[in-house]
């Protein structure tokens, strides 16, 4: 059974990492989310989450981040092992609900062709 944990080491936290994904990677988007992704040779699967202030107050932004982390935590084992993902929430993501965000995350990974 795969390990569904998401330790801090597998979460992008430094600006340089976010900038590298944005600069060198590709982008796909949907109504509530945008995905920037980069295949890093020899790298470990990692993800970062950005929720701008346009999405609401701090409580709403943190709620969106928690939802995105939970969705990523469960689908991470179906992704390429060297993938860095940066998820950016768009306006209205807080109103989308967990199920809708999950559908969009899976659809964007399929569209990006990074699933195993």
C-alpha atoms as a PDB file:
ATOM      1  CA  UNK A   1       0.000   0.000   0.000  1.00  0.00           C
ATOM      2  CA  UNK A   2       1.439   3.414  -0.938  1.00  0.00           C
ATOM      3  CA  UNK A   3       2.331   5.962   1.705  1.00  0.00           C
ATOM      4  CA  UNK A   4      -0.179   8.804   1.477  1.00  0.00           C
ATOM      5  CA  UNK A   5       1.770  11.169   3.707  1.00  0.00           C
ATOM      6  CA  UNK A   6       3.028  14.514   2.448  1.00  0.00           C
ATOM      7  CA  UNK A   7       6.114  15.466   4.478  1.00  0.00           C
ATOM      8  CA  UNK A   8       7.521  18.982   4.315  1.00  0.00           C
ATOM      9  CA  UNK A   9      10.441  17.766   2.215  1.00  0.00           C
ATOM     10  CA  UNK A  10       8.019  17.032  -0.656  1.00  0.00           C
ATOM     11  CA  UNK A  11       6.373  20.463  -0.587  1.00  0.00           C
ATOM     12  CA  UNK A  12       7.909  23.335  -2.540  1.00  0.00           C
ATOM     13  CA  UNK A  13       8.625  26.180  -0.121  1.00  0.00           C
ATOM     14  CA  UNK A  14      11.389  28.325  -1.608  1.00  0.00           C
ATOM     15  CA  UNK A  15      10.814  31.108  -4.092  1.00  0.00           C
ATOM     16  CA  UNK A  16      13.661  29.848  -6.298  1.00  0.00           C
ATOM     17  CA  UNK A  17      11.850  26.525  -6.754  1.00  0.00           C
ATOM     18  CA  UNK A  18       8.562  28.243  -7.645  1.00  0.00           C
ATOM     19  CA  UNK A  19      10.385  30.531 -10.077  1.00  0.00           C
ATOM     20  CA  UNK A  20      12.161  27.589 -11.723  1.00  0.00           C
ATOM     21  CA  UNK A  21       8.861  25.781 -12.321  1.00  0.00           C
ATOM     22  CA  UNK A  22       7.281  28.912 -13.724  1.00  0.00           C
ATOM     23  CA  UNK A  23      10.280  29.841 -15.894  1.00  0.00           C
ATOM     24  CA  UNK A  24      11.260  26.416 -17.259  1.00  0.00           C
ATOM     25  CA  UNK A  25       8.018  24.455 -17.006  1.00  0.00           C
ATOM     26  CA  UNK A  26       4.703  24.306 -18.823  1.00  0.00           C
ATOM     27  CA  UNK A  27       1.237  25.529 -17.836  1.00  0.00           C
ATOM     28  CA  UNK A  28      -2.322  24.257 -18.133  1.00  0.00           C
ATOM     29  CA  UNK A  29      -5.408  25.852 -16.597  1.00  0.00           C
ATOM     30  CA  UNK A  30      -9.070  25.358 -15.833  1.00  0.00           C
ATOM     31  CA  UNK A  31     -11.795  27.582 -14.438  1.00  0.00           C
ATOM     32  CA  UNK A  32     -10.656  27.517 -10.790  1.00  0.00           C
ATOM     33  CA  UNK A  33      -7.038  26.310 -10.977  1.00  0.00           C
ATOM     34  CA  UNK A  34      -3.838  26.708 -12.936  1.00  0.00           C
ATOM     35  CA  UNK A  35      -1.071  24.100 -12.931  1.00  0.00           C
ATOM     36  CA  UNK A  36       2.566  24.918 -13.647  1.00  0.00           C
ATOM     37  CA  UNK A  37       4.668  21.787 -13.900  1.00  0.00           C
ATOM     38  CA  UNK A  38       8.248  20.797 -14.596  1.00  0.00           C
ATOM     39  CA  UNK A  39       9.956  17.430 -15.012  1.00  0.00           C
ATOM     40  CA  UNK A  40      13.195  17.594 -12.976  1.00  0.00           C
ATOM     41  CA  UNK A  41      15.712  14.948 -14.012  1.00  0.00           C
ATOM     42  CA  UNK A  42      16.667  12.902 -10.982  1.00  0.00           C
ATOM     43  CA  UNK A  43      14.366  14.967  -8.804  1.00  0.00           C
ATOM     44  CA  UNK A  44      11.760  13.894  -6.314  1.00  0.00           C
ATOM     45  CA  UNK A  45       8.020  14.466  -6.768  1.00  0.00           C
ATOM     46  CA  UNK A  46       7.130  17.770  -5.083  1.00  0.00           C
ATOM     47  CA  UNK A  47       4.251  20.250  -5.106  1.00  0.00           C
ATOM     48  CA  UNK A  48       3.618  23.853  -4.129  1.00  0.00           C
ATOM     49  CA  UNK A  49       0.397  25.761  -3.614  1.00  0.00           C
ATOM     50  CA  UNK A  50      -0.336  29.443  -4.239  1.00  0.00           C
ATOM     51  CA  UNK A  51      -3.603  31.081  -3.243  1.00  0.00           C
ATOM     52  CA  UNK A  52      -3.697  34.833  -3.982  1.00  0.00           C
ATOM     53  CA  UNK A  53      -5.687  37.361  -1.984  1.00  0.00           C
ATOM     54  CA  UNK A  54      -8.283  37.610  -4.741  1.00  0.00           C
ATOM     55  CA  UNK A  55      -9.562  34.220  -3.494  1.00  0.00           C
ATOM     56  CA  UNK A  56     -10.736  35.679  -0.185  1.00  0.00           C
ATOM     57  CA  UNK A  57      -9.620  36.383   3.338  1.00  0.00           C
ATOM     58  CA  UNK A  58      -6.990  34.340   5.182  1.00  0.00           C
ATOM     59  CA  UNK A  59      -9.509  31.768   6.381  1.00  0.00           C
ATOM     60  CA  UNK A  60     -10.751  31.070   2.831  1.00  0.00           C
ATOM     61  CA  UNK A  61      -7.221  30.994   1.383  1.00  0.00           C
ATOM     62  CA  UNK A  62      -6.071  28.498   4.004  1.00  0.00           C
ATOM     63  CA  UNK A  63      -9.153  26.379   3.345  1.00  0.00           C
ATOM     64  CA  UNK A  64      -8.307  26.233  -0.353  1.00  0.00           C
ATOM     65  CA  UNK A  65      -4.683  25.294   0.427  1.00  0.00           C
ATOM     66  CA  UNK A  66      -5.798  22.512   2.763  1.00  0.00           C
ATOM     67  CA  UNK A  67      -8.141  21.143   0.108  1.00  0.00           C
ATOM     68  CA  UNK A  68      -5.465  21.235  -2.594  1.00  0.00           C
ATOM     69  CA  UNK A  69      -2.895  19.542  -0.338  1.00  0.00           C
ATOM     70  CA  UNK A  70      -5.369  16.799   0.533  1.00  0.00           C
ATOM     71  CA  UNK A  71      -6.264  16.193  -3.107  1.00  0.00           C
ATOM     72  CA  UNK A  72      -2.575  16.120  -4.083  1.00  0.00           C
ATOM     73  CA  UNK A  73      -1.738  13.813  -1.182  1.00  0.00           C
ATOM     74  CA  UNK A  74      -4.133  11.169  -2.501  1.00  0.00           C
ATOM     75  CA  UNK A  75      -3.224  11.409  -6.188  1.00  0.00           C
ATOM     76  CA  UNK A  76       0.564  11.858  -5.895  1.00  0.00           C
ATOM     77  CA  UNK A  77       1.398   8.190  -6.472  1.00  0.00           C
ATOM     78  CA  UNK A  78      -0.205   8.232  -9.895  1.00  0.00           C
ATOM     79  CA  UNK A  79       2.182  10.961 -11.092  1.00  0.00           C
ATOM     80  CA  UNK A  80       5.647  10.860 -12.603  1.00  0.00           C
ATOM     81  CA  UNK A  81       8.357  10.490  -9.940  1.00  0.00           C
ATOM     82  CA  UNK A  82      10.329  13.521 -11.152  1.00  0.00           C
ATOM     83  CA  UNK A  83       7.413  15.989 -11.375  1.00  0.00           C
ATOM     84  CA  UNK A  84       7.307  19.363  -9.659  1.00  0.00           C
ATOM     85  CA  UNK A  85       3.799  20.864  -9.574  1.00  0.00           C
ATOM     86  CA  UNK A  86       2.765  24.388  -8.617  1.00  0.00           C
ATOM     87  CA  UNK A  87      -0.967  24.849  -8.126  1.00  0.00           C
ATOM     88  CA  UNK A  88      -2.374  28.375  -8.371  1.00  0.00           C
ATOM     89  CA  UNK A  89      -5.937  28.986  -7.239  1.00  0.00           C
ATOM     90  CA  UNK A  90      -8.079  31.398  -9.209  1.00  0.00           C
ATOM     91  CA  UNK A  91     -10.927  33.615  -8.115  1.00  0.00           C
ATOM     92  CA  UNK A  92     -13.935  31.492  -7.208  1.00  0.00           C
ATOM     93  CA  UNK A  93     -11.903  28.468  -6.069  1.00  0.00           C
ATOM     94  CA  UNK A  94     -13.257  28.828  -2.527  1.00  0.00           C
ATOM     95  CA  UNK A  95     -16.812  28.451  -3.816  1.00  0.00           C
ATOM     96  CA  UNK A  96     -15.989  25.454  -6.012  1.00  0.00           C
ATOM     97  CA  UNK A  97     -16.122  22.849  -3.255  1.00  0.00           C
ATOM     98  CA  UNK A  98     -13.853  19.880  -2.611  1.00  0.00           C
ATOM     99  CA  UNK A  99     -15.348  17.551  -5.239  1.00  0.00           C
ATOM    100  CA  UNK A 100     -15.130  20.153  -8.011  1.00  0.00           C
ATOM    101  CA  UNK A 101     -11.507  21.010  -7.148  1.00  0.00           C
ATOM    102  CA  UNK A 102     -10.635  17.303  -7.156  1.00  0.00           C
ATOM    103  CA  UNK A 103     -12.161  16.878 -10.629  1.00  0.00           C
ATOM    104  CA  UNK A 104     -10.182  19.850 -11.928  1.00  0.00           C
ATOM    105  CA  UNK A 105      -6.902  18.653 -10.404  1.00  0.00           C
ATOM    106  CA  UNK A 106      -7.255  15.220 -11.990  1.00  0.00           C
ATOM    107  CA  UNK A 107      -8.335  16.720 -15.322  1.00  0.00           C
ATOM    108  CA  UNK A 108      -5.370  19.079 -15.398  1.00  0.00           C
ATOM    109  CA  UNK A 109      -2.894  16.293 -14.632  1.00  0.00           C
ATOM    110  CA  UNK A 110      -4.454  14.281 -17.485  1.00  0.00           C
ATOM    111  CA  UNK A 111      -4.286  17.286 -19.802  1.00  0.00           C
ATOM    112  CA  UNK A 112      -0.606  17.797 -18.883  1.00  0.00           C
ATOM    113  CA  UNK A 113       0.070  14.103 -19.604  1.00  0.00           C
ATOM    114  CA  UNK A 114       2.078  13.555 -16.420  1.00  0.00           C
ATOM    115  CA  UNK A 115       0.074  10.621 -15.024  1.00  0.00           C
ATOM    116  CA  UNK A 116       1.561   7.149 -14.984  1.00  0.00           C
END
